[in-house]
Amino acid sequence: MHLSKISQAQDYSEYQYHLLRNALEMFSKNLQQLKAEEYEQVVRKAKKSFELESLVLESQEAKSFLLPPQQLDQALAVLAFAARVVFGGRKSPG
Protein backbone atom coordinates (compact mmCIF):
# COMPACT_ATOMS: atom_id res chain seq x y z
CA MET A 1 0.00 0.00 0.00
CA HIS A 2 1.14 3.53 -0.67
CA LEU A 3 1.33 4.71 2.93
CA SER A 4 2.85 7.97 1.76
CA LYS A 5 -0.34 8.57 -0.21
CA ILE A 6 -2.50 8.43 2.90
CA SER A 7 -0.33 11.02 4.63
CA GLN A 8 -1.10 13.63 1.95
CA ALA A 9 -4.05 15.86 2.87
CA GLN A 10 -6.39 15.09 -0.04
CA ASP A 11 -5.56 11.40 0.00
CA TYR A 12 -6.10 11.31 3.76
CA SER A 13 -9.69 12.51 3.34
CA GLU A 14 -10.20 9.98 0.55
CA TYR A 15 -8.85 7.24 2.82
CA GLN A 16 -11.19 8.42 5.60
CA TYR A 17 -14.04 8.00 3.12
CA HIS A 18 -12.95 4.40 2.55
CA LEU A 19 -12.91 3.82 6.30
CA LEU A 20 -16.42 5.20 6.76
CA ARG A 21 -17.82 3.45 3.69
CA ASN A 22 -16.46 0.10 4.82
CA ALA A 23 -17.71 0.59 8.39
CA LEU A 24 -21.18 1.28 7.07
CA GLU A 25 -21.09 -1.60 4.58
CA MET A 26 -19.67 -4.16 6.98
CA PHE A 27 -21.32 -3.24 10.28
CA SER A 28 -23.91 -0.52 9.55
CA LYS A 29 -22.05 1.67 12.06
CA ASN A 30 -20.01 4.84 11.84
CA LEU A 31 -16.37 4.73 12.93
CA GLN A 32 -17.04 5.88 16.49
CA GLN A 33 -19.53 3.05 17.05
CA LEU A 34 -17.14 0.24 16.07
CA LYS A 35 -15.63 -2.14 18.58
CA ALA A 36 -11.84 -2.53 18.42
CA GLU A 37 -11.95 -5.79 16.44
CA GLU A 38 -14.53 -4.36 14.02
CA TYR A 39 -12.37 -1.28 13.50
CA GLU A 40 -9.35 -3.49 12.68
CA GLN A 41 -11.38 -5.35 10.05
CA VAL A 42 -12.56 -2.06 8.58
CA VAL A 43 -8.99 -0.70 8.44
CA ARG A 44 -7.76 -3.80 6.60
CA LYS A 45 -10.53 -3.61 4.03
CA ALA A 46 -10.22 0.17 3.65
CA LYS A 47 -6.49 -0.11 2.97
CA LYS A 48 -7.18 -2.65 0.24
CA SER A 49 -9.97 -0.64 -1.37
CA PHE A 50 -7.95 2.59 -1.18
CA GLU A 51 -4.94 0.91 -2.76
CA LEU A 52 -7.05 -0.58 -5.55
CA GLU A 53 -8.75 2.73 -6.23
CA SER A 54 -5.37 4.49 -6.28
CA LEU A 55 -4.01 2.01 -8.80
CA VAL A 56 -7.04 2.40 -11.04
CA LEU A 57 -6.96 6.20 -10.90
CA GLU A 58 -3.24 6.23 -11.70
CA SER A 59 -3.72 4.02 -14.76
CA GLN A 60 -3.16 5.38 -18.26
CA GLU A 61 -6.83 4.83 -19.09
CA ALA A 62 -7.98 6.94 -16.14
CA LYS A 63 -5.54 9.72 -16.96
CA SER A 64 -6.95 9.99 -20.47
CA PHE A 65 -10.59 10.06 -19.32
CA LEU A 66 -12.35 13.40 -19.65
CA LEU A 67 -15.81 14.04 -18.24
CA PRO A 68 -17.68 16.91 -19.87
CA PRO A 69 -18.71 19.57 -17.29
CA GLN A 70 -22.38 19.25 -18.30
CA GLN A 71 -22.36 15.51 -17.51
CA LEU A 72 -20.68 16.17 -14.16
CA ASP A 73 -23.31 18.80 -13.29
CA GLN A 74 -26.08 16.37 -14.17
CA ALA A 75 -24.55 13.63 -12.01
CA LEU A 76 -24.21 16.02 -9.06
CA ALA A 77 -27.85 17.05 -9.43
CA VAL A 78 -28.91 13.40 -9.32
CA LEU A 79 -26.82 12.83 -6.18
CA ALA A 80 -28.24 15.94 -4.50
CA PHE A 81 -31.78 14.76 -5.25
CA ALA A 82 -31.00 11.27 -3.92
CA ALA A 83 -29.54 12.76 -0.73
CA ARG A 84 -32.72 14.81 -0.18
CA VAL A 85 -34.84 11.69 -0.65
CA VAL A 86 -32.70 9.50 1.62
CA PHE A 87 -32.13 12.05 4.36
CA GLY A 88 -35.56 13.67 4.09
CA GLY A 89 -34.33 17.19 4.58
CA ARG A 90 -31.97 16.17 7.38
CA LYS A 91 -28.33 17.03 6.96
CA SER A 92 -26.41 14.26 5.23
CA PRO A 93 -23.44 12.78 7.12
CA GLY A 94 -20.07 14.38 6.45
PDB file of N, CA and C in Angstrom:
ATOM      1  N   MET A   1       0.820  -1.180   0.000  1.00  0.00           N
ATOM      2  CA  MET A   1       0.000   0.000   0.000  1.00  0.00           C
ATOM      3  C   MET A   1       0.864   1.243   0.000  1.00  0.00           C
ATOM      4  N   HIS A   2       0.411   2.272  -0.631  1.00  0.00           N
ATOM      5  CA  HIS A   2       1.142   3.529  -0.672  1.00  0.00           C
ATOM      6  C   HIS A   2       0.855   4.317   0.594  1.00  0.00           C
ATOM      7  N   LEU A   3       1.570   4.010   1.678  1.00  0.00           N
ATOM      8  CA  LEU A   3       1.334   4.708   2.931  1.00  0.00           C
ATOM      9  C   LEU A   3       1.604   6.189   2.801  1.00  0.00           C
ATOM     10  N   SER A   4       2.568   6.551   1.954  1.00  0.00           N
ATOM     11  CA  SER A   4       2.847   7.970   1.761  1.00  0.00           C
ATOM     12  C   SER A   4       1.646   8.679   1.154  1.00  0.00           C
ATOM     13  N   LYS A   5       0.845   7.967   0.379  1.00  0.00           N
ATOM     14  CA  LYS A   5      -0.344   8.569  -0.211  1.00  0.00           C
ATOM     15  C   LYS A   5      -1.332   8.986   0.866  1.00  0.00           C
ATOM     16  N   ILE A   6      -1.520   8.134   1.861  1.00  0.00           N
ATOM     17  CA  ILE A   6      -2.499   8.426   2.903  1.00  0.00           C
ATOM     18  C   ILE A   6      -2.072   9.639   3.716  1.00  0.00           C
ATOM     19  N   SER A   7      -0.797   9.894   3.825  1.00  0.00           N
ATOM     20  CA  SER A   7      -0.330  11.017   4.629  1.00  0.00           C
ATOM     21  C   SER A   7      -0.572  12.360   3.946  1.00  0.00           C
ATOM     22  N   GLN A   8      -0.815  12.377   2.660  1.00  0.00           N
ATOM     23  CA  GLN A   8      -1.099  13.628   1.954  1.00  0.00           C
ATOM     24  C   GLN A   8      -2.536  14.049   2.264  1.00  0.00           C
ATOM     25  N   ALA A   9      -2.765  15.345   2.392  1.00  0.00           N
ATOM     26  CA  ALA A   9      -4.053  15.864   2.872  1.00  0.00           C
ATOM     27  C   ALA A   9      -5.252  15.357   2.074  1.00  0.00           C
ATOM     28  N   GLN A  10      -5.241  15.512   0.758  1.00  0.00           N
ATOM     29  CA  GLN A  10      -6.390  15.085  -0.036  1.00  0.00           C
ATOM     30  C   GLN A  10      -6.560  13.576   0.043  1.00  0.00           C
ATOM     31  N   ASP A  11      -5.474  12.841  -0.059  1.00  0.00           N
ATOM     32  CA  ASP A  11      -5.561  11.397   0.004  1.00  0.00           C
ATOM     33  C   ASP A  11      -6.020  10.930   1.388  1.00  0.00           C
ATOM     34  N   TYR A  12      -5.655  11.674   2.421  1.00  0.00           N
ATOM     35  CA  TYR A  12      -6.097  11.314   3.763  1.00  0.00           C
ATOM     36  C   TYR A  12      -7.620  11.372   3.848  1.00  0.00           C
ATOM     37  N   SER A  13      -8.230  12.419   3.292  1.00  0.00           N
ATOM     38  CA  SER A  13      -9.687  12.514   3.339  1.00  0.00           C
ATOM     39  C   SER A  13     -10.324  11.419   2.481  1.00  0.00           C
ATOM     40  N   GLU A  14      -9.692  11.082   1.375  1.00  0.00           N
ATOM     41  CA  GLU A  14     -10.202   9.982   0.554  1.00  0.00           C
ATOM     42  C   GLU A  14     -10.099   8.653   1.295  1.00  0.00           C
ATOM     43  N   TYR A  15      -9.008   8.460   2.027  1.00  0.00           N
ATOM     44  CA  TYR A  15      -8.851   7.243   2.824  1.00  0.00           C
ATOM     45  C   TYR A  15      -9.900   7.206   3.936  1.00  0.00           C
ATOM     46  N   GLN A  16     -10.161   8.354   4.560  1.00  0.00           N
ATOM     47  CA  GLN A  16     -11.191   8.422   5.602  1.00  0.00           C
ATOM     48  C   GLN A  16     -12.541   8.007   5.021  1.00  0.00           C
ATOM     49  N   TYR A  17     -12.807   8.410   3.788  1.00  0.00           N
ATOM     50  CA  TYR A  17     -14.041   8.002   3.119  1.00  0.00           C
ATOM     51  C   TYR A  17     -14.101   6.479   3.001  1.00  0.00           C
ATOM     52  N   HIS A  18     -12.989   5.864   2.656  1.00  0.00           N
ATOM     53  CA  HIS A  18     -12.950   4.396   2.555  1.00  0.00           C
ATOM     54  C   HIS A  18     -13.218   3.760   3.913  1.00  0.00           C
ATOM     55  N   LEU A  19     -12.644   4.339   4.955  1.00  0.00           N
ATOM     56  CA  LEU A  19     -12.914   3.816   6.304  1.00  0.00           C
ATOM     57  C   LEU A  19     -14.405   3.876   6.624  1.00  0.00           C
ATOM     58  N   LEU A  20     -15.003   5.033   6.433  1.00  0.00           N
ATOM     59  CA  LEU A  20     -16.418   5.200   6.757  1.00  0.00           C
ATOM     60  C   LEU A  20     -17.292   4.309   5.887  1.00  0.00           C
ATOM     61  N   ARG A  21     -17.013   4.278   4.589  1.00  0.00           N
ATOM     62  CA  ARG A  21     -17.818   3.454   3.686  1.00  0.00           C
ATOM     63  C   ARG A  21     -17.770   1.981   4.097  1.00  0.00           C
ATOM     64  N   ASN A  22     -16.579   1.501   4.428  1.00  0.00           N
ATOM     65  CA  ASN A  22     -16.460   0.100   4.825  1.00  0.00           C
ATOM     66  C   ASN A  22     -17.110  -0.175   6.172  1.00  0.00           C
ATOM     67  N   ALA A  23     -17.034   0.762   7.097  1.00  0.00           N
ATOM     68  CA  ALA A  23     -17.705   0.595   8.393  1.00  0.00           C
ATOM     69  C   ALA A  23     -19.215   0.474   8.191  1.00  0.00           C
ATOM     70  N   LEU A  24     -19.745   1.334   7.338  1.00  0.00           N
ATOM     71  CA  LEU A  24     -21.177   1.285   7.073  1.00  0.00           C
ATOM     72  C   LEU A  24     -21.579   0.012   6.343  1.00  0.00           C
ATOM     73  N   GLU A  25     -20.780  -0.385   5.352  1.00  0.00           N
ATOM     74  CA  GLU A  25     -21.093  -1.598   4.583  1.00  0.00           C
ATOM     75  C   GLU A  25     -20.985  -2.856   5.435  1.00  0.00           C
ATOM     76  N   MET A  26     -19.936  -2.939   6.242  1.00  0.00           N
ATOM     77  CA  MET A  26     -19.666  -4.164   6.984  1.00  0.00           C
ATOM     78  C   MET A  26     -20.495  -4.287   8.265  1.00  0.00           C
ATOM     79  N   PHE A  27     -20.713  -3.172   8.959  1.00  0.00           N
ATOM     80  CA  PHE A  27     -21.325  -3.241  10.284  1.00  0.00           C
ATOM     81  C   PHE A  27     -22.513  -2.298  10.470  1.00  0.00           C
ATOM     82  N   SER A  28     -22.843  -1.519   9.451  1.00  0.00           N
ATOM     83  CA  SER A  28     -23.910  -0.516   9.553  1.00  0.00           C
ATOM     84  C   SER A  28     -23.692   0.406  10.749  1.00  0.00           C
ATOM     85  N   LYS A  29     -22.431   0.784  10.956  1.00  0.00           N
ATOM     86  CA  LYS A  29     -22.050   1.669  12.055  1.00  0.00           C
ATOM     87  C   LYS A  29     -21.088   2.723  11.521  1.00  0.00           C
ATOM     88  N   ASN A  30     -21.060   3.892  12.191  1.00  0.00           N
ATOM     89  CA  ASN A  30     -20.010   4.843  11.844  1.00  0.00           C
ATOM     90  C   ASN A  30     -18.755   4.465  12.620  1.00  0.00           C
ATOM     91  N   LEU A  31     -17.656   5.128  12.354  1.00  0.00           N
ATOM     92  CA  LEU A  31     -16.367   4.728  12.934  1.00  0.00           C
ATOM     93  C   LEU A  31     -16.363   4.764  14.455  1.00  0.00           C
ATOM     94  N   GLN A  32     -17.034   5.750  15.041  1.00  0.00           N
ATOM     95  CA  GLN A  32     -17.037   5.883  16.491  1.00  0.00           C
ATOM     96  C   GLN A  32     -17.819   4.764  17.187  1.00  0.00           C
ATOM     97  N   GLN A  33     -18.708   4.111  16.469  1.00  0.00           N
ATOM     98  CA  GLN A  33     -19.526   3.047  17.048  1.00  0.00           C
ATOM     99  C   GLN A  33     -18.864   1.672  16.986  1.00  0.00           C
ATOM    100  N   LEU A  34     -17.778   1.544  16.265  1.00  0.00           N
ATOM    101  CA  LEU A  34     -17.140   0.238  16.072  1.00  0.00           C
ATOM    102  C   LEU A  34     -16.409  -0.229  17.320  1.00  0.00           C
ATOM    103  N   LYS A  35     -16.470  -1.524  17.556  1.00  0.00           N
ATOM    104  CA  LYS A  35     -15.629  -2.142  18.580  1.00  0.00           C
ATOM    105  C   LYS A  35     -14.223  -2.265  18.002  1.00  0.00           C
ATOM    106  N   ALA A  36     -13.244  -2.489  18.854  1.00  0.00           N
ATOM    107  CA  ALA A  36     -11.844  -2.530  18.416  1.00  0.00           C
ATOM    108  C   ALA A  36     -11.622  -3.555  17.309  1.00  0.00           C
ATOM    109  N   GLU A  37     -12.169  -4.749  17.461  1.00  0.00           N
ATOM    110  CA  GLU A  37     -11.951  -5.788  16.444  1.00  0.00           C
ATOM    111  C   GLU A  37     -12.674  -5.444  15.142  1.00  0.00           C
ATOM    112  N   GLU A  38     -13.828  -4.796  15.228  1.00  0.00           N
ATOM    113  CA  GLU A  38     -14.531  -4.362  14.019  1.00  0.00           C
ATOM    114  C   GLU A  38     -13.717  -3.283  13.302  1.00  0.00           C
ATOM    115  N   TYR A  39     -13.171  -2.356  14.080  1.00  0.00           N
ATOM    116  CA  TYR A  39     -12.369  -1.281  13.495  1.00  0.00           C
ATOM    117  C   TYR A  39     -11.161  -1.848  12.753  1.00  0.00           C
ATOM    118  N   GLU A  40     -10.510  -2.863  13.340  1.00  0.00           N
ATOM    119  CA  GLU A  40      -9.351  -3.486  12.684  1.00  0.00           C
ATOM    120  C   GLU A  40      -9.747  -4.109  11.355  1.00  0.00           C
ATOM    121  N   GLN A  41     -10.909  -4.759  11.304  1.00  0.00           N
ATOM    122  CA  GLN A  41     -11.384  -5.347  10.052  1.00  0.00           C
ATOM    123  C   GLN A  41     -11.655  -4.255   9.019  1.00  0.00           C
ATOM    124  N   VAL A  42     -12.261  -3.176   9.467  1.00  0.00           N
ATOM    125  CA  VAL A  42     -12.564  -2.059   8.576  1.00  0.00           C
ATOM    126  C   VAL A  42     -11.279  -1.452   8.024  1.00  0.00           C
ATOM    127  N   VAL A  43     -10.272  -1.274   8.874  1.00  0.00           N
ATOM    128  CA  VAL A  43      -8.994  -0.701   8.438  1.00  0.00           C
ATOM    129  C   VAL A  43      -8.348  -1.587   7.376  1.00  0.00           C
ATOM    130  N   ARG A  44      -8.356  -2.884   7.598  1.00  0.00           N
ATOM    131  CA  ARG A  44      -7.756  -3.800   6.601  1.00  0.00           C
ATOM    132  C   ARG A  44      -8.463  -3.683   5.252  1.00  0.00           C
ATOM    133  N   LYS A  45      -9.787  -3.685   5.284  1.00  0.00           N
ATOM    134  CA  LYS A  45     -10.535  -3.612   4.031  1.00  0.00           C
ATOM    135  C   LYS A  45     -10.377  -2.234   3.379  1.00  0.00           C
ATOM    136  N   ALA A  46     -10.363  -1.179   4.191  1.00  0.00           N
ATOM    137  CA  ALA A  46     -10.218   0.175   3.653  1.00  0.00           C
ATOM    138  C   ALA A  46      -8.859   0.354   2.987  1.00  0.00           C
ATOM    139  N   LYS A  47      -7.817  -0.199   3.582  1.00  0.00           N
ATOM    140  CA  LYS A  47      -6.487  -0.108   2.972  1.00  0.00           C
ATOM    141  C   LYS A  47      -6.480  -0.770   1.605  1.00  0.00           C
ATOM    142  N   LYS A  48      -7.130  -1.932   1.519  1.00  0.00           N
ATOM    143  CA  LYS A  48      -7.175  -2.645   0.236  1.00  0.00           C
ATOM    144  C   LYS A  48      -7.981  -1.864  -0.798  1.00  0.00           C
ATOM    145  N   SER A  49      -9.136  -1.351  -0.398  1.00  0.00           N
ATOM    146  CA  SER A  49      -9.970  -0.636  -1.372  1.00  0.00           C
ATOM    147  C   SER A  49      -9.322   0.682  -1.784  1.00  0.00           C
ATOM    148  N   PHE A  50      -8.650   1.355  -0.851  1.00  0.00           N
ATOM    149  CA  PHE A  50      -7.953   2.595  -1.181  1.00  0.00           C
ATOM    150  C   PHE A  50      -6.806   2.316  -2.143  1.00  0.00           C
ATOM    151  N   GLU A  51      -6.063   1.268  -1.889  1.00  0.00           N
ATOM    152  CA  GLU A  51      -4.944   0.905  -2.765  1.00  0.00           C
ATOM    153  C   GLU A  51      -5.440   0.569  -4.169  1.00  0.00           C
ATOM    154  N   LEU A  52      -6.504  -0.215  -4.243  1.00  0.00           N
ATOM    155  CA  LEU A  52      -7.055  -0.584  -5.549  1.00  0.00           C
ATOM    156  C   LEU A  52      -7.549   0.656  -6.297  1.00  0.00           C
ATOM    157  N   GLU A  53      -8.274   1.512  -5.600  1.00  0.00           N
ATOM    158  CA  GLU A  53      -8.755   2.732  -6.232  1.00  0.00           C
ATOM    159  C   GLU A  53      -7.586   3.601  -6.713  1.00  0.00           C
ATOM    160  N   SER A  54      -6.547   3.698  -5.902  1.00  0.00           N
ATOM    161  CA  SER A  54      -5.375   4.494  -6.282  1.00  0.00           C
ATOM    162  C   SER A  54      -4.728   3.949  -7.543  1.00  0.00           C
ATOM    163  N   LEU A  55      -4.603   2.627  -7.616  1.00  0.00           N
ATOM    164  CA  LEU A  55      -4.010   2.010  -8.802  1.00  0.00           C
ATOM    165  C   LEU A  55      -4.849   2.281 -10.048  1.00  0.00           C
ATOM    166  N   VAL A  56      -6.153   2.163  -9.908  1.00  0.00           N
ATOM    167  CA  VAL A  56      -7.044   2.395 -11.044  1.00  0.00           C
ATOM    168  C   VAL A  56      -6.947   3.846 -11.495  1.00  0.00           C
ATOM    169  N   LEU A  57      -6.992   4.782 -10.542  1.00  0.00           N
ATOM    170  CA  LEU A  57      -6.960   6.198 -10.900  1.00  0.00           C
ATOM    171  C   LEU A  57      -5.618   6.633 -11.482  1.00  0.00           C
ATOM    172  N   GLU A  58      -4.560   5.907 -11.160  1.00  0.00           N
ATOM    173  CA  GLU A  58      -3.241   6.226 -11.698  1.00  0.00           C
ATOM    174  C   GLU A  58      -2.971   5.548 -13.035  1.00  0.00           C
ATOM    175  N   SER A  59      -3.920   4.728 -13.502  1.00  0.00           N
ATOM    176  CA  SER A  59      -3.724   4.020 -14.764  1.00  0.00           C
ATOM    177  C   SER A  59      -3.759   4.983 -15.940  1.00  0.00           C
ATOM    178  N   GLN A  60      -3.182   4.569 -17.042  1.00  0.00           N
ATOM    179  CA  GLN A  60      -3.159   5.378 -18.260  1.00  0.00           C
ATOM    180  C   GLN A  60      -4.577   5.655 -18.750  1.00  0.00           C
ATOM    181  N   GLU A  61      -5.452   4.654 -18.636  1.00  0.00           N
ATOM    182  CA  GLU A  61      -6.828   4.828 -19.090  1.00  0.00           C
ATOM    183  C   GLU A  61      -7.537   5.921 -18.295  1.00  0.00           C
ATOM    184  N   ALA A  62      -7.332   5.929 -16.981  1.00  0.00           N
ATOM    185  CA  ALA A  62      -7.984   6.935 -16.136  1.00  0.00           C
ATOM    186  C   ALA A  62      -7.431   8.330 -16.420  1.00  0.00           C
ATOM    187  N   LYS A  63      -6.148   8.414 -16.682  1.00  0.00           N
ATOM    188  CA  LYS A  63      -5.542   9.716 -16.958  1.00  0.00           C
ATOM    189  C   LYS A  63      -6.058  10.319 -18.256  1.00  0.00           C
ATOM    190  N   SER A  64      -6.480   9.473 -19.180  1.00  0.00           N
ATOM    191  CA  SER A  64      -6.948   9.988 -20.472  1.00  0.00           C
ATOM    192  C   SER A  64      -8.460  10.206 -20.488  1.00  0.00           C
ATOM    193  N   PHE A  65      -9.130   9.913 -19.393  1.00  0.00           N
ATOM    194  CA  PHE A  65     -10.588  10.064 -19.324  1.00  0.00           C
ATOM    195  C   PHE A  65     -10.955  11.513 -19.059  1.00  0.00           C
ATOM    196  N   LEU A  66     -11.900  12.022 -19.822  1.00  0.00           N
ATOM    197  CA  LEU A  66     -12.351  13.399 -19.652  1.00  0.00           C
ATOM    198  C   LEU A  66     -13.870  13.397 -19.547  1.00  0.00           C
ATOM    199  N   LEU A  67     -14.370  13.953 -18.461  1.00  0.00           N
ATOM    200  CA  LEU A  67     -15.807  14.036 -18.240  1.00  0.00           C
ATOM    201  C   LEU A  67     -16.268  15.448 -18.577  1.00  0.00           C
ATOM    202  N   PRO A  68     -17.189  15.574 -19.521  1.00  0.00           N
ATOM    203  CA  PRO A  68     -17.682  16.909 -19.867  1.00  0.00           C
ATOM    204  C   PRO A  68     -18.351  17.570 -18.655  1.00  0.00           C
ATOM    205  N   PRO A  69     -18.139  18.873 -18.452  1.00  0.00           N
ATOM    206  CA  PRO A  69     -18.715  19.574 -17.292  1.00  0.00           C
ATOM    207  C   PRO A  69     -20.234  19.411 -17.182  1.00  0.00           C
ATOM    208  N   GLN A  70     -20.928  19.394 -18.306  1.00  0.00           N
ATOM    209  CA  GLN A  70     -22.383  19.248 -18.297  1.00  0.00           C
ATOM    210  C   GLN A  70     -22.793  17.893 -17.703  1.00  0.00           C
ATOM    211  N   GLN A  71     -22.049  16.844 -18.035  1.00  0.00           N
ATOM    212  CA  GLN A  71     -22.359  15.512 -17.514  1.00  0.00           C
ATOM    213  C   GLN A  71     -22.068  15.454 -16.015  1.00  0.00           C
ATOM    214  N   LEU A  72     -21.008  16.117 -15.577  1.00  0.00           N
ATOM    215  CA  LEU A  72     -20.685  16.169 -14.155  1.00  0.00           C
ATOM    216  C   LEU A  72     -21.779  16.920 -13.393  1.00  0.00           C
ATOM    217  N   ASP A  73     -22.233  18.043 -13.920  1.00  0.00           N
ATOM    218  CA  ASP A  73     -23.310  18.805 -13.287  1.00  0.00           C
ATOM    219  C   ASP A  73     -24.578  17.968 -13.156  1.00  0.00           C
ATOM    220  N   GLN A  74     -24.887  17.217 -14.197  1.00  0.00           N
ATOM    221  CA  GLN A  74     -26.078  16.366 -14.174  1.00  0.00           C
ATOM    222  C   GLN A  74     -25.948  15.282 -13.106  1.00  0.00           C
ATOM    223  N   ALA A  75     -24.775  14.671 -13.017  1.00  0.00           N
ATOM    224  CA  ALA A  75     -24.552  13.628 -12.007  1.00  0.00           C
ATOM    225  C   ALA A  75     -24.660  14.204 -10.595  1.00  0.00           C
ATOM    226  N   LEU A  76     -24.119  15.385 -10.374  1.00  0.00           N
ATOM    227  CA  LEU A  76     -24.210  16.020  -9.064  1.00  0.00           C
ATOM    228  C   LEU A  76     -25.653  16.348  -8.705  1.00  0.00           C
ATOM    229  N   ALA A  77     -26.441  16.761  -9.679  1.00  0.00           N
ATOM    230  CA  ALA A  77     -27.851  17.051  -9.432  1.00  0.00           C
ATOM    231  C   ALA A  77     -28.597  15.786  -9.023  1.00  0.00           C
ATOM    232  N   VAL A  78     -28.290  14.676  -9.671  1.00  0.00           N
ATOM    233  CA  VAL A  78     -28.913  13.398  -9.316  1.00  0.00           C
ATOM    234  C   VAL A  78     -28.531  13.004  -7.887  1.00  0.00           C
ATOM    235  N   LEU A  79     -27.261  13.158  -7.536  1.00  0.00           N
ATOM    236  CA  LEU A  79     -26.820  12.827  -6.181  1.00  0.00           C
ATOM    237  C   LEU A  79     -27.474  13.730  -5.148  1.00  0.00           C
ATOM    238  N   ALA A  80     -27.591  15.008  -5.437  1.00  0.00           N
ATOM    239  CA  ALA A  80     -28.238  15.938  -4.505  1.00  0.00           C
ATOM    240  C   ALA A  80     -29.700  15.554  -4.294  1.00  0.00           C
ATOM    241  N   PHE A  81     -30.388  15.188  -5.362  1.00  0.00           N
ATOM    242  CA  PHE A  81     -31.780  14.755  -5.252  1.00  0.00           C
ATOM    243  C   PHE A  81     -31.873  13.487  -4.409  1.00  0.00           C
ATOM    244  N   ALA A  82     -30.988  12.525  -4.675  1.00  0.00           N
ATOM    245  CA  ALA A  82     -30.998  11.271  -3.920  1.00  0.00           C
ATOM    246  C   ALA A  82     -30.737  11.526  -2.433  1.00  0.00           C
ATOM    247  N   ALA A  83     -29.835  12.441  -2.133  1.00  0.00           N
ATOM    248  CA  ALA A  83     -29.542  12.762  -0.731  1.00  0.00           C
ATOM    249  C   ALA A  83     -30.767  13.361  -0.054  1.00  0.00           C
ATOM    250  N   ARG A  84     -31.499  14.227  -0.761  1.00  0.00           N
ATOM    251  CA  ARG A  84     -32.716  14.811  -0.177  1.00  0.00           C
ATOM    252  C   ARG A  84     -33.754  13.735   0.089  1.00  0.00           C
ATOM    253  N   VAL A  85     -33.875  12.775  -0.827  1.00  0.00           N
ATOM    254  CA  VAL A  85     -34.838  11.685  -0.655  1.00  0.00           C
ATOM    255  C   VAL A  85     -34.435  10.804   0.531  1.00  0.00           C
ATOM    256  N   VAL A  86     -33.172  10.410   0.570  1.00  0.00           N
ATOM    257  CA  VAL A  86     -32.697   9.499   1.617  1.00  0.00           C
ATOM    258  C   VAL A  86     -32.720  10.159   2.988  1.00  0.00           C
ATOM    259  N   PHE A  87     -32.261  11.391   3.061  1.00  0.00           N
ATOM    260  CA  PHE A  87     -32.128  12.046   4.358  1.00  0.00           C
ATOM    261  C   PHE A  87     -33.341  12.902   4.702  1.00  0.00           C
ATOM    262  N   GLY A  88     -34.297  12.983   3.815  1.00  0.00           N
ATOM    263  CA  GLY A  88     -35.555  13.665   4.090  1.00  0.00           C
ATOM    264  C   GLY A  88     -35.413  15.063   4.669  1.00  0.00           C
ATOM    265  N   GLY A  89     -34.511  15.825   4.101  1.00  0.00           N
ATOM    266  CA  GLY A  89     -34.332  17.189   4.585  1.00  0.00           C
ATOM    267  C   GLY A  89     -33.341  17.291   5.722  1.00  0.00           C
ATOM    268  N   ARG A  90     -32.989  16.150   6.334  1.00  0.00           N
ATOM    269  CA  ARG A  90     -31.967  16.173   7.380  1.00  0.00           C
ATOM    270  C   ARG A  90     -30.631  16.401   6.723  1.00  0.00           C
ATOM    271  N   LYS A  91     -29.687  16.844   7.484  1.00  0.00           N
ATOM    272  CA  LYS A  91     -28.334  17.030   6.958  1.00  0.00           C
ATOM    273  C   LYS A  91     -27.709  15.679   6.694  1.00  0.00           C
ATOM    274  N   SER A  92     -27.091  15.515   5.531  1.00  0.00           N
ATOM    275  CA  SER A  92     -26.410  14.255   5.233  1.00  0.00           C
ATOM    276  C   SER A  92     -25.139  14.167   6.058  1.00  0.00           C
ATOM    277  N   PRO A  93     -24.659  12.930   6.340  1.00  0.00           N
ATOM    278  CA  PRO A  93     -23.436  12.778   7.119  1.00  0.00           C
ATOM    279  C   PRO A  93     -22.247  13.354   6.355  1.00  0.00           C
ATOM    280  N   GLY A  94     -21.294  13.890   7.071  1.00  0.00           N
ATOM    281  CA  GLY A  94     -20.069  14.381   6.446  1.00  0.00           C
ATOM    282  C   GLY A  94     -20.158  15.783   6.202  1.00  0.00           C
TER     283      GLY A  94
END
